[in-house]
C-alpha atoms as a PDB file:
ATOM      1  CA  MET A   1     -19.248  -2.417 -19.287  1.00  0.00           C
ATOM      2  CA  VAL A   2     -22.358  -0.660 -17.969  1.00  0.00           C
ATOM      3  CA  LEU A   3     -21.338   1.504 -15.714  1.00  0.00           C
ATOM      4  CA  GLU A   4     -23.210   4.770 -14.228  1.00  0.00           C
ATOM      5  CA  THR A   5     -23.653   6.128 -11.099  1.00  0.00           C
ATOM      6  CA  ARG A   6     -25.692   9.423 -10.257  1.00  0.00           C
ATOM      7  CA  ASP A   7     -25.503  11.692  -6.936  1.00  0.00           C
ATOM      8  CA  ILE A   8     -28.819  10.974  -5.892  1.00  0.00           C
ATOM      9  CA  GLU A   9     -30.090  14.727  -4.616  1.00  0.00           C
ATOM     10  CA  SER A  10     -29.159  16.525  -8.068  1.00  0.00           C
ATOM     11  CA  ASN A  11     -29.525  13.518 -10.472  1.00  0.00           C
ATOM     12  CA  LYS A  12     -26.293  14.123 -12.305  1.00  0.00           C
ATOM     13  CA  LYS A  13     -23.790  11.958 -13.202  1.00  0.00           C
ATOM     14  CA  SER A  14     -21.218  11.036 -11.145  1.00  0.00           C
ATOM     15  CA  ASN A  15     -17.181   9.621 -10.778  1.00  0.00           C
ATOM     16  CA  ILE A  16     -16.989   6.307  -9.135  1.00  0.00           C
ATOM     17  CA  GLN A  17     -13.228   6.720  -6.583  1.00  0.00           C
ATOM     18  CA  PHE A  18     -11.641   3.574  -6.281  1.00  0.00           C
ATOM     19  CA  ASN A  19      -8.195   2.577  -4.766  1.00  0.00           C
ATOM     20  CA  LEU A  20      -6.140   1.952  -7.655  1.00  0.00           C
ATOM     21  CA  ILE A  21      -3.252  -0.576  -7.383  1.00  0.00           C
ATOM     22  CA  GLU A  22       0.005   0.707  -9.602  1.00  0.00           C
ATOM     23  CA  PRO A  23       2.372  -1.756 -11.341  1.00  0.00           C
ATOM     24  CA  SER A  24       4.540  -0.467  -8.425  1.00  0.00           C
ATOM     25  CA  LEU A  25       1.912  -2.179  -5.865  1.00  0.00           C
ATOM     26  CA  GLU A  26       1.609   1.747  -4.680  1.00  0.00           C
ATOM     27  CA  GLU A  27      -1.878   2.627  -3.588  1.00  0.00           C
ATOM     28  CA  THR A  28      -3.649   5.174  -5.036  1.00  0.00           C
ATOM     29  CA  LYS A  29      -7.180   6.760  -4.749  1.00  0.00           C
ATOM     30  CA  ILE A  30      -8.591   7.180  -8.348  1.00  0.00           C
ATOM     31  CA  HIS A  31     -11.480   8.537 -10.013  1.00  0.00           C
ATOM     32  CA  LEU A  32     -13.322   6.475 -13.142  1.00  0.00           C
ATOM     33  CA  ALA A  33     -15.391   8.974 -15.115  1.00  0.00           C
ATOM     34  CA  LYS A  34     -17.990   7.620 -17.744  1.00  0.00           C
ATOM     35  CA  TRP A  35     -17.431  10.231 -21.018  1.00  0.00           C
ATOM     36  CA  ASP A  36     -20.319  10.582 -23.604  1.00  0.00           C
ATOM     37  CA  MET A  37     -19.263  10.830 -27.092  1.00  0.00           C
ATOM     38  CA  SER A  38     -21.335  11.101 -30.385  1.00  0.00           C
ATOM     39  CA  ASN A  39     -21.108   7.641 -31.611  1.00  0.00           C
ATOM     40  CA  SER A  40     -19.787   5.619 -28.221  1.00  0.00           C
ATOM     41  CA  SER A  41     -18.835   6.389 -24.550  1.00  0.00           C
ATOM     42  CA  SER A  42     -14.809   6.060 -23.184  1.00  0.00           C
ATOM     43  CA  TYR A  43     -13.928   5.200 -19.381  1.00  0.00           C
ATOM     44  CA  VAL A  44     -11.373   7.506 -17.904  1.00  0.00           C
ATOM     45  CA  LEU A  45      -9.002   7.339 -14.849  1.00  0.00           C
ATOM     46  CA  LEU A  46      -9.384  11.208 -13.185  1.00  0.00           C
ATOM     47  CA  ASN A  47      -7.160  13.122 -11.096  1.00  0.00           C
ATOM     48  CA  ASP A  48      -3.890  11.449 -10.000  1.00  0.00           C
ATOM     49  CA  TRP A  49      -3.470   9.739 -13.183  1.00  0.00           C
ATOM     50  CA  MET A  50      -0.747  11.453 -14.050  1.00  0.00           C
ATOM     51  CA  GLN A  51       1.380  10.929 -11.129  1.00  0.00           C
ATOM     52  CA  VAL A  52       1.053   7.040 -11.650  1.00  0.00           C
ATOM     53  CA  VAL A  53       2.193   7.288 -15.071  1.00  0.00           C
ATOM     54  CA  GLU A  54       5.364   9.388 -13.810  1.00  0.00           C
ATOM     55  CA  ARG A  55       5.744   6.528 -10.490  1.00  0.00           C
ATOM     56  CA  ASN A  56       5.778   3.459 -12.917  1.00  0.00           C
ATOM     57  CA  ASN A  57       7.492   5.234 -16.170  1.00  0.00           C
ATOM     58  CA  LEU A  58       4.343   3.918 -18.490  1.00  0.00           C
ATOM     59  CA  LYS A  59       4.506   4.960 -21.872  1.00  0.00           C
ATOM     60  CA  PRO A  60       1.651   5.339 -24.614  1.00  0.00           C
ATOM     61  CA  GLY A  61       0.446   2.146 -25.855  1.00  0.00           C
ATOM     62  CA  MET A  62       1.316   0.273 -22.957  1.00  0.00           C
ATOM     63  CA  MET A  63      -1.349  -1.900 -21.668  1.00  0.00           C
ATOM     64  CA  LEU A  64      -1.759  -2.064 -18.097  1.00  0.00           C
ATOM     65  CA  PHE A  65      -5.284  -4.188 -17.994  1.00  0.00           C
ATOM     66  CA  HIS A  66      -7.087  -6.174 -20.273  1.00  0.00           C
ATOM     67  CA  LYS A  67     -10.447  -5.187 -18.691  1.00  0.00           C
ATOM     68  CA  ILE A  68     -11.867  -3.725 -15.394  1.00  0.00           C
ATOM     69  CA  SER A  69     -14.834  -7.053 -15.185  1.00  0.00           C
ATOM     70  CA  SER A  70     -15.535  -5.746 -11.201  1.00  0.00           C
ATOM     71  CA  PHE A  71     -14.379  -3.352  -8.099  1.00  0.00           C
ATOM     72  CA  ARG A  72     -15.717  -2.484  -4.870  1.00  0.00           C
ATOM     73  CA  ASN A  73     -15.708   1.100  -3.256  1.00  0.00           C
ATOM     74  CA  GLU A  74     -16.956   2.197   0.000  1.00  0.00           C
ATOM     75  CA  THR A  75     -19.723  -0.377   0.264  1.00  0.00           C
ATOM     76  CA  THR A  76     -20.942  -0.839  -3.655  1.00  0.00           C
ATOM     77  CA  VAL A  77     -19.669  -3.516  -5.785  1.00  0.00           C
ATOM     78  CA  HIS A  78     -19.543  -2.476  -9.073  1.00  0.00           C
ATOM     79  CA  SER A  79     -19.747  -4.764 -12.593  1.00  0.00           C
ATOM     80  CA  SER A  80     -19.707  -4.859 -15.861  1.00  0.00           C
ATOM     81  CA  GLN A  81     -21.888  -7.823 -15.948  1.00  0.00           C
END
């Protein structure tokens, strides 16, 4: 999955904000970020993630979604293709 956005002015990596539809069908604005490690990268959900976990009684190891293949935020479509 290739997913990276940059701030136009600072050229720094930025998070992507999107609406997450929870298992409870509640919609939450959440941020997706790419964290680069020494040998790999991880995609993480930020800001209100713990509230989503609590509202939906999520437990470690639960599969929430198999793959995010694409999503839309505001005016941009982001895709892993």
